[in-house]
Amino acid sequence: KGRFTISRDNTKNTVYLQMNSLKPEDTAVYSCAAGVPSY
């Protein structure tokens, strides 16, 4: 929170994750996922 920003462009069917002030502990494999609203 405060470092990453998520956004989406429906015209391009694309979601973005802007990651700033990255730290070594952010090292990982990042995966995106899609789902319909649920409980």
PDB file of all heavy atoms in Angstrom:
ATOM      1  N   LYS A   1       0.838  -1.196   0.000  1.00  0.00           N
ATOM      2  CA  LYS A   1       0.000   0.000   0.000  1.00  0.00           C
ATOM      3  C   LYS A   1       0.875   1.248   0.000  1.00  0.00           C
ATOM      4  O   LYS A   1       1.834   1.357   0.757  1.00  0.00           O
ATOM      5  CB  LYS A   1      -0.912  -0.020   1.228  1.00  0.00           C
ATOM      6  CG  LYS A   1      -2.155   0.817   1.114  1.00  0.00           C
ATOM      7  CD  LYS A   1      -3.098   0.540   2.276  1.00  0.00           C
ATOM      8  CE  LYS A   1      -3.676  -0.855   2.235  1.00  0.00           C
ATOM      9  NZ  LYS A   1      -4.647  -1.100   3.305  1.00  0.00           N
ATOM     10  N   GLY A   2       0.552   2.175  -0.877  1.00  0.00           N
ATOM     11  CA  GLY A   2       1.318   3.403  -0.998  1.00  0.00           C
ATOM     12  C   GLY A   2       2.478   3.308  -1.975  1.00  0.00           C
ATOM     13  O   GLY A   2       3.067   4.329  -2.344  1.00  0.00           O
ATOM     14  N   ARG A   3       2.814   2.086  -2.392  1.00  0.00           N
ATOM     15  CA  ARG A   3       3.918   1.896  -3.345  1.00  0.00           C
ATOM     16  C   ARG A   3       3.430   1.346  -4.680  1.00  0.00           C
ATOM     17  O   ARG A   3       3.993   1.679  -5.722  1.00  0.00           O
ATOM     18  CB  ARG A   3       4.961   0.934  -2.758  1.00  0.00           C
ATOM     19  CG  ARG A   3       5.586   1.400  -1.458  1.00  0.00           C
ATOM     20  CD  ARG A   3       6.744   0.493  -1.048  1.00  0.00           C
ATOM     21  NE  ARG A   3       6.315  -0.867  -0.769  1.00  0.00           N
ATOM     22  CZ  ARG A   3       6.793  -1.946  -1.397  1.00  0.00           C
ATOM     23  NH1 ARG A   3       7.706  -1.812  -2.330  1.00  0.00           N
ATOM     24  NH2 ARG A   3       6.360  -3.160  -1.075  1.00  0.00           N
ATOM     25  N   PHE A   4       2.412   0.514  -4.651  1.00  0.00           N
ATOM     26  CA  PHE A   4       1.888  -0.113  -5.864  1.00  0.00           C
ATOM     27  C   PHE A   4       0.543   0.513  -6.220  1.00  0.00           C
ATOM     28  O   PHE A   4      -0.232   0.888  -5.353  1.00  0.00           O
ATOM     29  CB  PHE A   4       1.684  -1.610  -5.659  1.00  0.00           C
ATOM     30  CG  PHE A   4       2.952  -2.418  -5.522  1.00  0.00           C
ATOM     31  CD1 PHE A   4       4.193  -1.809  -5.369  1.00  0.00           C
ATOM     32  CD2 PHE A   4       2.897  -3.803  -5.536  1.00  0.00           C
ATOM     33  CE1 PHE A   4       5.349  -2.563  -5.234  1.00  0.00           C
ATOM     34  CE2 PHE A   4       4.040  -4.570  -5.404  1.00  0.00           C
ATOM     35  CZ  PHE A   4       5.269  -3.944  -5.249  1.00  0.00           C
ATOM     36  N   THR A   5       0.272   0.578  -7.527  1.00  0.00           N
ATOM     37  CA  THR A   5      -1.005   1.084  -8.005  1.00  0.00           C
ATOM     38  C   THR A   5      -1.529   0.161  -9.097  1.00  0.00           C
ATOM     39  O   THR A   5      -0.814  -0.121 -10.066  1.00  0.00           O
ATOM     40  CB  THR A   5      -0.875   2.504  -8.575  1.00  0.00           C
ATOM     41  OG1 THR A   5      -0.339   3.374  -7.564  1.00  0.00           O
ATOM     42  CG2 THR A   5      -2.233   3.038  -9.014  1.00  0.00           C
ATOM     43  N   ILE A   6      -2.755  -0.287  -8.920  1.00  0.00           N
ATOM     44  CA  ILE A   6      -3.386  -1.134  -9.918  1.00  0.00           C
ATOM     45  C   ILE A   6      -4.342  -0.293 -10.753  1.00  0.00           C
ATOM     46  O   ILE A   6      -4.970   0.637 -10.255  1.00  0.00           O
ATOM     47  CB  ILE A   6      -4.134  -2.318  -9.252  1.00  0.00           C
ATOM     48  CG1 ILE A   6      -4.574  -3.338 -10.303  1.00  0.00           C
ATOM     49  CG2 ILE A   6      -5.316  -1.828  -8.421  1.00  0.00           C
ATOM     50  CD1 ILE A   6      -5.111  -4.640  -9.680  1.00  0.00           C
ATOM     51  N   SER A   7      -4.425  -0.607 -12.027  1.00  0.00           N
ATOM     52  CA  SER A   7      -5.352   0.099 -12.909  1.00  0.00           C
ATOM     53  C   SER A   7      -5.761  -0.855 -14.024  1.00  0.00           C
ATOM     54  O   SER A   7      -5.147  -1.909 -14.213  1.00  0.00           O
ATOM     55  CB  SER A   7      -4.708   1.362 -13.483  1.00  0.00           C
ATOM     56  OG  SER A   7      -3.562   1.039 -14.251  1.00  0.00           O
ATOM     57  N   ARG A   8      -6.796  -0.478 -14.746  1.00  0.00           N
ATOM     58  CA  ARG A   8      -7.240  -1.319 -15.853  1.00  0.00           C
ATOM     59  C   ARG A   8      -7.693  -0.460 -17.011  1.00  0.00           C
ATOM     60  O   ARG A   8      -8.207   0.644 -16.814  1.00  0.00           O
ATOM     61  CB  ARG A   8      -8.340  -2.276 -15.405  1.00  0.00           C
ATOM     62  CG  ARG A   8      -9.640  -1.635 -14.982  1.00  0.00           C
ATOM     63  CD  ARG A   8     -10.552  -2.635 -14.271  1.00  0.00           C
ATOM     64  NE  ARG A   8     -11.050  -3.678 -15.155  1.00  0.00           N
ATOM     65  CZ  ARG A   8     -11.627  -4.808 -14.724  1.00  0.00           C
ATOM     66  NH1 ARG A   8     -11.775  -5.017 -13.430  1.00  0.00           N
ATOM     67  NH2 ARG A   8     -12.067  -5.704 -15.583  1.00  0.00           N
ATOM     68  N   ASP A   9      -7.502  -0.963 -18.203  1.00  0.00           N
ATOM     69  CA  ASP A   9      -7.956  -0.309 -19.427  1.00  0.00           C
ATOM     70  C   ASP A   9      -8.834  -1.316 -20.150  1.00  0.00           C
ATOM     71  O   ASP A   9      -8.328  -2.242 -20.797  1.00  0.00           O
ATOM     72  CB  ASP A   9      -6.758   0.098 -20.282  1.00  0.00           C
ATOM     73  CG  ASP A   9      -7.159   0.887 -21.514  1.00  0.00           C
ATOM     74  OD1 ASP A   9      -8.342   0.813 -21.917  1.00  0.00           O
ATOM     75  OD2 ASP A   9      -6.304   1.566 -22.094  1.00  0.00           O
ATOM     76  N   ASN A  10     -10.144  -1.143 -20.018  1.00  0.00           N
ATOM     77  CA  ASN A  10     -11.058  -2.110 -20.608  1.00  0.00           C
ATOM     78  C   ASN A  10     -11.023  -2.085 -22.130  1.00  0.00           C
ATOM     79  O   ASN A  10     -11.347  -3.085 -22.776  1.00  0.00           O
ATOM     80  CB  ASN A  10     -12.482  -1.859 -20.118  1.00  0.00           C
ATOM     81  CG  ASN A  10     -12.673  -2.279 -18.672  1.00  0.00           C
ATOM     82  OD1 ASN A  10     -11.937  -3.106 -18.157  1.00  0.00           O
ATOM     83  ND2 ASN A  10     -13.657  -1.686 -18.016  1.00  0.00           N
ATOM     84  N   THR A  11     -10.625  -0.962 -22.721  1.00  0.00           N
ATOM     85  CA  THR A  11     -10.546  -0.885 -24.187  1.00  0.00           C
ATOM     86  C   THR A  11      -9.421  -1.777 -24.709  1.00  0.00           C
ATOM     87  O   THR A  11      -9.452  -2.215 -25.852  1.00  0.00           O
ATOM     88  CB  THR A  11     -10.313   0.553 -24.656  1.00  0.00           C
ATOM     89  OG1 THR A  11      -9.040   1.005 -24.178  1.00  0.00           O
ATOM     90  CG2 THR A  11     -11.404   1.483 -24.132  1.00  0.00           C
ATOM     91  N   LYS A  12      -8.450  -2.035 -23.863  1.00  0.00           N
ATOM     92  CA  LYS A  12      -7.325  -2.891 -24.250  1.00  0.00           C
ATOM     93  C   LYS A  12      -7.356  -4.239 -23.536  1.00  0.00           C
ATOM     94  O   LYS A  12      -6.444  -5.057 -23.714  1.00  0.00           O
ATOM     95  CB  LYS A  12      -5.994  -2.194 -23.938  1.00  0.00           C
ATOM     96  CG  LYS A  12      -5.782  -0.901 -24.698  1.00  0.00           C
ATOM     97  CD  LYS A  12      -4.442  -0.275 -24.343  1.00  0.00           C
ATOM     98  CE  LYS A  12      -4.217   1.007 -25.130  1.00  0.00           C
ATOM     99  NZ  LYS A  12      -2.914   1.645 -24.781  1.00  0.00           N
ATOM    100  N   ASN A  13      -8.377  -4.456 -22.705  1.00  0.00           N
ATOM    101  CA  ASN A  13      -8.465  -5.692 -21.923  1.00  0.00           C
ATOM    102  C   ASN A  13      -7.171  -5.954 -21.158  1.00  0.00           C
ATOM    103  O   ASN A  13      -6.654  -7.077 -21.136  1.00  0.00           O
ATOM    104  CB  ASN A  13      -8.771  -6.889 -22.829  1.00  0.00           C
ATOM    105  CG  ASN A  13     -10.255  -7.091 -23.039  1.00  0.00           C
ATOM    106  OD1 ASN A  13     -11.078  -6.437 -22.406  1.00  0.00           O
ATOM    107  ND2 ASN A  13     -10.602  -7.983 -23.942  1.00  0.00           N
ATOM    108  N   THR A  14      -6.663  -4.916 -20.550  1.00  0.00           N
ATOM    109  CA  THR A  14      -5.373  -5.013 -19.871  1.00  0.00           C
ATOM    110  C   THR A  14      -5.453  -4.413 -18.478  1.00  0.00           C
ATOM    111  O   THR A  14      -6.093  -3.378 -18.272  1.00  0.00           O
ATOM    112  CB  THR A  14      -4.283  -4.298 -20.680  1.00  0.00           C
ATOM    113  OG1 THR A  14      -4.186  -4.911 -21.975  1.00  0.00           O
ATOM    114  CG2 THR A  14      -2.929  -4.400 -19.992  1.00  0.00           C
ATOM    115  N   VAL A  15      -4.796  -5.086 -17.545  1.00  0.00           N
ATOM    116  CA  VAL A  15      -4.669  -4.596 -16.176  1.00  0.00           C
ATOM    117  C   VAL A  15      -3.191  -4.320 -15.918  1.00  0.00           C
ATOM    118  O   VAL A  15      -2.329  -5.082 -16.371  1.00  0.00           O
ATOM    119  CB  VAL A  15      -5.192  -5.628 -15.165  1.00  0.00           C
ATOM    120  CG1 VAL A  15      -4.962  -5.146 -13.745  1.00  0.00           C
ATOM    121  CG2 VAL A  15      -6.663  -5.883 -15.396  1.00  0.00           C
ATOM    122  N   TYR A  16      -2.930  -3.258 -15.217  1.00  0.00           N
ATOM    123  CA  TYR A  16      -1.550  -2.856 -14.950  1.00  0.00           C
ATOM    124  C   TYR A  16      -1.287  -2.860 -13.446  1.00  0.00           C
ATOM    125  O   TYR A  16      -2.181  -2.627 -12.637  1.00  0.00           O
ATOM    126  CB  TYR A  16      -1.286  -1.455 -15.503  1.00  0.00           C
ATOM    127  CG  TYR A  16      -1.570  -1.316 -16.973  1.00  0.00           C
ATOM    128  CD1 TYR A  16      -2.787  -0.794 -17.411  1.00  0.00           C
ATOM    129  CD2 TYR A  16      -0.635  -1.703 -17.920  1.00  0.00           C
ATOM    130  CE1 TYR A  16      -3.069  -0.669 -18.770  1.00  0.00           C
ATOM    131  CE2 TYR A  16      -0.907  -1.577 -19.283  1.00  0.00           C
ATOM    132  CZ  TYR A  16      -2.112  -1.068 -19.692  1.00  0.00           C
ATOM    133  OH  TYR A  16      -2.387  -0.941 -21.032  1.00  0.00           O
ATOM    134  N   LEU A  17      -0.036  -3.089 -13.108  1.00  0.00           N
ATOM    135  CA  LEU A  17       0.405  -2.946 -11.718  1.00  0.00           C
ATOM    136  C   LEU A  17       1.675  -2.115 -11.741  1.00  0.00           C
ATOM    137  O   LEU A  17       2.731  -2.592 -12.151  1.00  0.00           O
ATOM    138  CB  LEU A  17       0.661  -4.306 -11.065  1.00  0.00           C
ATOM    139  CG  LEU A  17       1.015  -4.242  -9.581  1.00  0.00           C
ATOM    140  CD1 LEU A  17      -0.218  -3.774  -8.782  1.00  0.00           C
ATOM    141  CD2 LEU A  17       1.487  -5.592  -9.062  1.00  0.00           C
ATOM    142  N   GLN A  18       1.537  -0.867 -11.359  1.00  0.00           N
ATOM    143  CA  GLN A  18       2.692   0.030 -11.266  1.00  0.00           C
ATOM    144  C   GLN A  18       3.335  -0.177  -9.910  1.00  0.00           C
ATOM    145  O   GLN A  18       2.676   0.001  -8.878  1.00  0.00           O
ATOM    146  CB  GLN A  18       2.252   1.484 -11.444  1.00  0.00           C
ATOM    147  CG  GLN A  18       3.377   2.485 -11.306  1.00  0.00           C
ATOM    148  CD  GLN A  18       4.408   2.370 -12.413  1.00  0.00           C
ATOM    149  OE1 GLN A  18       4.056   2.228 -13.576  1.00  0.00           O
ATOM    150  NE2 GLN A  18       5.683   2.435 -12.054  1.00  0.00           N
ATOM    151  N   MET A  19       4.594  -0.552  -9.914  1.00  0.00           N
ATOM    152  CA  MET A  19       5.296  -0.851  -8.678  1.00  0.00           C
ATOM    153  C   MET A  19       6.437   0.147  -8.507  1.00  0.00           C
ATOM    154  O   MET A  19       7.365   0.174  -9.320  1.00  0.00           O
ATOM    155  CB  MET A  19       5.831  -2.281  -8.705  1.00  0.00           C
ATOM    156  CG  MET A  19       4.756  -3.314  -9.007  1.00  0.00           C
ATOM    157  SD  MET A  19       5.350  -5.014  -8.872  1.00  0.00           S
ATOM    158  CE  MET A  19       6.566  -5.033 -10.189  1.00  0.00           C
ATOM    159  N   ASN A  20       6.353   0.954  -7.476  1.00  0.00           N
ATOM    160  CA  ASN A  20       7.377   1.957  -7.169  1.00  0.00           C
ATOM    161  C   ASN A  20       8.047   1.626  -5.852  1.00  0.00           C
ATOM    162  O   ASN A  20       7.535   0.839  -5.052  1.00  0.00           O
ATOM    163  CB  ASN A  20       6.750   3.342  -7.094  1.00  0.00           C
ATOM    164  CG  ASN A  20       6.125   3.781  -8.405  1.00  0.00           C
ATOM    165  OD1 ASN A  20       6.574   3.416  -9.490  1.00  0.00           O
ATOM    166  ND2 ASN A  20       5.066   4.576  -8.306  1.00  0.00           N
ATOM    167  N   SER A  21       9.179   2.229  -5.624  1.00  0.00           N
ATOM    168  CA  SER A  21       9.923   2.044  -4.365  1.00  0.00           C
ATOM    169  C   SER A  21      10.085   0.559  -4.052  1.00  0.00           C
ATOM    170  O   SER A  21       9.822   0.113  -2.925  1.00  0.00           O
ATOM    171  CB  SER A  21       9.210   2.762  -3.211  1.00  0.00           C
ATOM    172  OG  SER A  21       9.076   4.136  -3.481  1.00  0.00           O
ATOM    173  N   LEU A  22      10.507  -0.183  -5.029  1.00  0.00           N
ATOM    174  CA  LEU A  22      10.610  -1.628  -4.864  1.00  0.00           C
ATOM    175  C   LEU A  22      11.657  -2.001  -3.829  1.00  0.00           C
ATOM    176  O   LEU A  22      12.692  -1.325  -3.682  1.00  0.00           O
ATOM    177  CB  LEU A  22      10.926  -2.296  -6.199  1.00  0.00           C
ATOM    178  CG  LEU A  22       9.718  -2.411  -7.133  1.00  0.00           C
ATOM    179  CD1 LEU A  22      10.158  -2.656  -8.567  1.00  0.00           C
ATOM    180  CD2 LEU A  22       8.777  -3.503  -6.657  1.00  0.00           C
ATOM    181  N   LYS A  23      11.378  -3.084  -3.120  1.00  0.00           N
ATOM    182  CA  LYS A  23      12.256  -3.588  -2.071  1.00  0.00           C
ATOM    183  C   LYS A  23      12.671  -5.016  -2.419  1.00  0.00           C
ATOM    184  O   LYS A  23      11.948  -5.718  -3.137  1.00  0.00           O
ATOM    185  CB  LYS A  23      11.513  -3.589  -0.733  1.00  0.00           C
ATOM    186  CG  LYS A  23      10.925  -2.253  -0.328  1.00  0.00           C
ATOM    187  CD  LYS A  23      10.107  -2.387   0.947  1.00  0.00           C
ATOM    188  CE  LYS A  23       9.489  -1.064   1.351  1.00  0.00           C
ATOM    189  NZ  LYS A  23       8.678  -1.195   2.595  1.00  0.00           N
ATOM    190  N   PRO A  24      13.791  -5.470  -1.882  1.00  0.00           N
ATOM    191  CA  PRO A  24      14.207  -6.855  -2.150  1.00  0.00           C
ATOM    192  C   PRO A  24      13.131  -7.868  -1.774  1.00  0.00           C
ATOM    193  O   PRO A  24      12.996  -8.901  -2.453  1.00  0.00           O
ATOM    194  CB  PRO A  24      15.457  -7.010  -1.291  1.00  0.00           C
ATOM    195  CG  PRO A  24      16.029  -5.637  -1.232  1.00  0.00           C
ATOM    196  CD  PRO A  24      14.839  -4.724  -1.163  1.00  0.00           C
ATOM    197  N   GLU A  25      12.352  -7.577  -0.759  1.00  0.00           N
ATOM    198  CA  GLU A  25      11.303  -8.511  -0.347  1.00  0.00           C
ATOM    199  C   GLU A  25      10.130  -8.551  -1.318  1.00  0.00           C
ATOM    200  O   GLU A  25       9.218  -9.374  -1.153  1.00  0.00           O
ATOM    201  CB  GLU A  25      10.803  -8.180   1.070  1.00  0.00           C
ATOM    202  CG  GLU A  25      10.418  -6.742   1.275  1.00  0.00           C
ATOM    203  CD  GLU A  25      11.545  -5.928   1.926  1.00  0.00           C
ATOM    204  OE1 GLU A  25      12.713  -6.083   1.484  1.00  0.00           O
ATOM    205  OE2 GLU A  25      11.242  -5.134   2.842  1.00  0.00           O
ATOM    206  N   ASP A  26      10.133  -7.702  -2.334  1.00  0.00           N
ATOM    207  CA  ASP A  26       9.114  -7.765  -3.377  1.00  0.00           C
ATOM    208  C   ASP A  26       9.475  -8.797  -4.445  1.00  0.00           C
ATOM    209  O   ASP A  26       8.665  -9.066  -5.342  1.00  0.00           O
ATOM    210  CB  ASP A  26       8.933  -6.402  -4.053  1.00  0.00           C
ATOM    211  CG  ASP A  26       8.354  -5.353  -3.129  1.00  0.00           C
ATOM    212  OD1 ASP A  26       7.425  -5.680  -2.359  1.00  0.00           O
ATOM    213  OD2 ASP A  26       8.832  -4.200  -3.178  1.00  0.00           O
ATOM    214  N   THR A  27      10.654  -9.357  -4.342  1.00  0.00           N
ATOM    215  CA  THR A  27      11.089 -10.352  -5.311  1.00  0.00           C
ATOM    216  C   THR A  27      10.172 -11.571  -5.278  1.00  0.00           C
ATOM    217  O   THR A  27       9.942 -12.166  -4.232  1.00  0.00           O
ATOM    218  CB  THR A  27      12.532 -10.797  -5.030  1.00  0.00           C
ATOM    219  OG1 THR A  27      13.407  -9.677  -5.224  1.00  0.00           O
ATOM    220  CG2 THR A  27      12.950 -11.931  -5.952  1.00  0.00           C
ATOM    221  N   ALA A  28       9.624 -11.915  -6.441  1.00  0.00           N
ATOM    222  CA  ALA A  28       8.677 -13.024  -6.530  1.00  0.00           C
ATOM    223  C   ALA A  28       8.245 -13.191  -7.981  1.00  0.00           C
ATOM    224  O   ALA A  28       8.552 -12.355  -8.831  1.00  0.00           O
ATOM    225  CB  ALA A  28       7.457 -12.771  -5.661  1.00  0.00           C
ATOM    226  N   VAL A  29       7.505 -14.258  -8.220  1.00  0.00           N
ATOM    227  CA  VAL A  29       6.790 -14.415  -9.479  1.00  0.00           C
ATOM    228  C   VAL A  29       5.413 -13.799  -9.286  1.00  0.00           C
ATOM    229  O   VAL A  29       4.685 -14.178  -8.363  1.00  0.00           O
ATOM    230  CB  VAL A  29       6.664 -15.896  -9.886  1.00  0.00           C
ATOM    231  CG1 VAL A  29       5.784 -16.021 -11.123  1.00  0.00           C
ATOM    232  CG2 VAL A  29       8.040 -16.495 -10.144  1.00  0.00           C
ATOM    233  N   TYR A  30       5.099 -12.852 -10.145  1.00  0.00           N
ATOM    234  CA  TYR A  30       3.820 -12.150 -10.057  1.00  0.00           C
ATOM    235  C   TYR A  30       2.858 -12.719 -11.102  1.00  0.00           C
ATOM    236  O   TYR A  30       3.205 -12.802 -12.283  1.00  0.00           O
ATOM    237  CB  TYR A  30       4.021 -10.658 -10.292  1.00  0.00           C
ATOM    238  CG  TYR A  30       4.642  -9.955  -9.117  1.00  0.00           C
ATOM    239  CD1 TYR A  30       5.969 -10.180  -8.769  1.00  0.00           C
ATOM    240  CD2 TYR A  30       3.894  -9.070  -8.339  1.00  0.00           C
ATOM    241  CE1 TYR A  30       6.534  -9.541  -7.673  1.00  0.00           C
ATOM    242  CE2 TYR A  30       4.449  -8.434  -7.252  1.00  0.00           C
ATOM    243  CZ  TYR A  30       5.769  -8.671  -6.923  1.00  0.00           C
ATOM    244  OH  TYR A  30       6.330  -8.035  -5.833  1.00  0.00           O
ATOM    245  N   SER A  31       1.659 -13.058 -10.636  1.00  0.00           N
ATOM    246  CA  SER A  31       0.651 -13.631 -11.526  1.00  0.00           C
ATOM    247  C   SER A  31      -0.622 -12.810 -11.456  1.00  0.00           C
ATOM    248  O   SER A  31      -1.001 -12.350 -10.374  1.00  0.00           O
ATOM    249  CB  SER A  31       0.336 -15.072 -11.124  1.00  0.00           C
ATOM    250  OG  SER A  31       1.481 -15.894 -11.196  1.00  0.00           O
ATOM    251  N   CYS A  32      -1.261 -12.654 -12.584  1.00  0.00           N
ATOM    252  CA  CYS A  32      -2.557 -11.993 -12.581  1.00  0.00           C
ATOM    253  C   CYS A  32      -3.651 -13.040 -12.656  1.00  0.00           C
ATOM    254  O   CYS A  32      -3.420 -14.188 -13.085  1.00  0.00           O
ATOM    255  CB  CYS A  32      -2.687 -10.963 -13.698  1.00  0.00           C
ATOM    256  SG  CYS A  32      -2.785 -11.634 -15.353  1.00  0.00           S
ATOM    257  N   ALA A  33      -4.818 -12.652 -12.216  1.00  0.00           N
ATOM    258  CA  ALA A  33      -5.941 -13.572 -12.150  1.00  0.00           C
ATOM    259  C   ALA A  33      -7.232 -12.821 -12.430  1.00  0.00           C
ATOM    260  O   ALA A  33      -7.320 -11.609 -12.211  1.00  0.00           O
ATOM    261  CB  ALA A  33      -6.001 -14.234 -10.781  1.00  0.00           C
ATOM    262  N   ALA A  34      -8.227 -13.549 -12.903  1.00  0.00           N
ATOM    263  CA  ALA A  34      -9.526 -12.957 -13.211  1.00  0.00           C
ATOM    264  C   ALA A  34     -10.629 -13.820 -12.629  1.00  0.00           C
ATOM    265  O   ALA A  34     -10.540 -15.055 -12.636  1.00  0.00           O
ATOM    266  CB  ALA A  34      -9.717 -12.830 -14.725  1.00  0.00           C
ATOM    267  N   GLY A  35     -11.662 -13.162 -12.124  1.00  0.00           N
ATOM    268  CA  GLY A  35     -12.779 -13.895 -11.571  1.00  0.00           C
ATOM    269  C   GLY A  35     -14.032 -13.057 -11.571  1.00  0.00           C
ATOM    270  O   GLY A  35     -13.966 -11.830 -11.637  1.00  0.00           O
ATOM    271  N   VAL A  36     -15.168 -13.710 -11.505  1.00  0.00           N
ATOM    272  CA  VAL A  36     -16.428 -12.984 -11.380  1.00  0.00           C
ATOM    273  C   VAL A  36     -16.668 -12.699  -9.901  1.00  0.00           C
ATOM    274  O   VAL A  36     -16.133 -13.410  -9.041  1.00  0.00           O
ATOM    275  CB  VAL A  36     -17.590 -13.793 -11.985  1.00  0.00           C
ATOM    276  CG1 VAL A  36     -17.367 -13.997 -13.481  1.00  0.00           C
ATOM    277  CG2 VAL A  36     -17.751 -15.127 -11.270  1.00  0.00           C
ATOM    278  N   PRO A  37     -17.426 -11.640  -9.600  1.00  0.00           N
ATOM    279  CA  PRO A  37     -17.696 -11.336  -8.193  1.00  0.00           C
ATOM    280  C   PRO A  37     -18.311 -12.533  -7.478  1.00  0.00           C
ATOM    281  O   PRO A  37     -19.190 -13.206  -8.008  1.00  0.00           O
ATOM    282  CB  PRO A  37     -18.676 -10.169  -8.293  1.00  0.00           C
ATOM    283  CG  PRO A  37     -18.324  -9.512  -9.587  1.00  0.00           C
ATOM    284  CD  PRO A  37     -17.949 -10.628 -10.514  1.00  0.00           C
ATOM    285  N   SER A  38     -17.829 -12.800  -6.281  1.00  0.00           N
ATOM    286  CA  SER A  38     -18.299 -13.943  -5.502  1.00  0.00           C
ATOM    287  C   SER A  38     -18.261 -13.575  -4.031  1.00  0.00           C
ATOM    288  O   SER A  38     -17.911 -12.457  -3.660  1.00  0.00           O
ATOM    289  CB  SER A  38     -17.413 -15.172  -5.772  1.00  0.00           C
ATOM    290  OG  SER A  38     -16.128 -14.973  -5.212  1.00  0.00           O
ATOM    291  N   TYR A  39     -18.587 -14.544  -3.189  1.00  0.00           N
ATOM    292  CA  TYR A  39     -18.561 -14.263  -1.753  1.00  0.00           C
ATOM    293  C   TYR A  39     -17.149 -14.361  -1.190  1.00  0.00           C
ATOM    294  O   TYR A  39     -16.930 -14.063  -0.023  1.00  0.00           O
ATOM    295  CB  TYR A  39     -19.511 -15.187  -0.994  1.00  0.00           C
ATOM    296  CG  TYR A  39     -19.421 -16.637  -1.360  1.00  0.00           C
ATOM    297  CD1 TYR A  39     -18.419 -17.452  -0.857  1.00  0.00           C
ATOM    298  CD2 TYR A  39     -20.345 -17.200  -2.232  1.00  0.00           C
ATOM    299  CE1 TYR A  39     -18.350 -18.779  -1.198  1.00  0.00           C
ATOM    300  CE2 TYR A  39     -20.283 -18.536  -2.572  1.00  0.00           C
ATOM    301  CZ  TYR A  39     -19.280 -19.331  -2.052  1.00  0.00           C
ATOM    302  OH  TYR A  39     -19.208 -20.652  -2.405  1.00  0.00           O
TER     303      TYR A  39
END
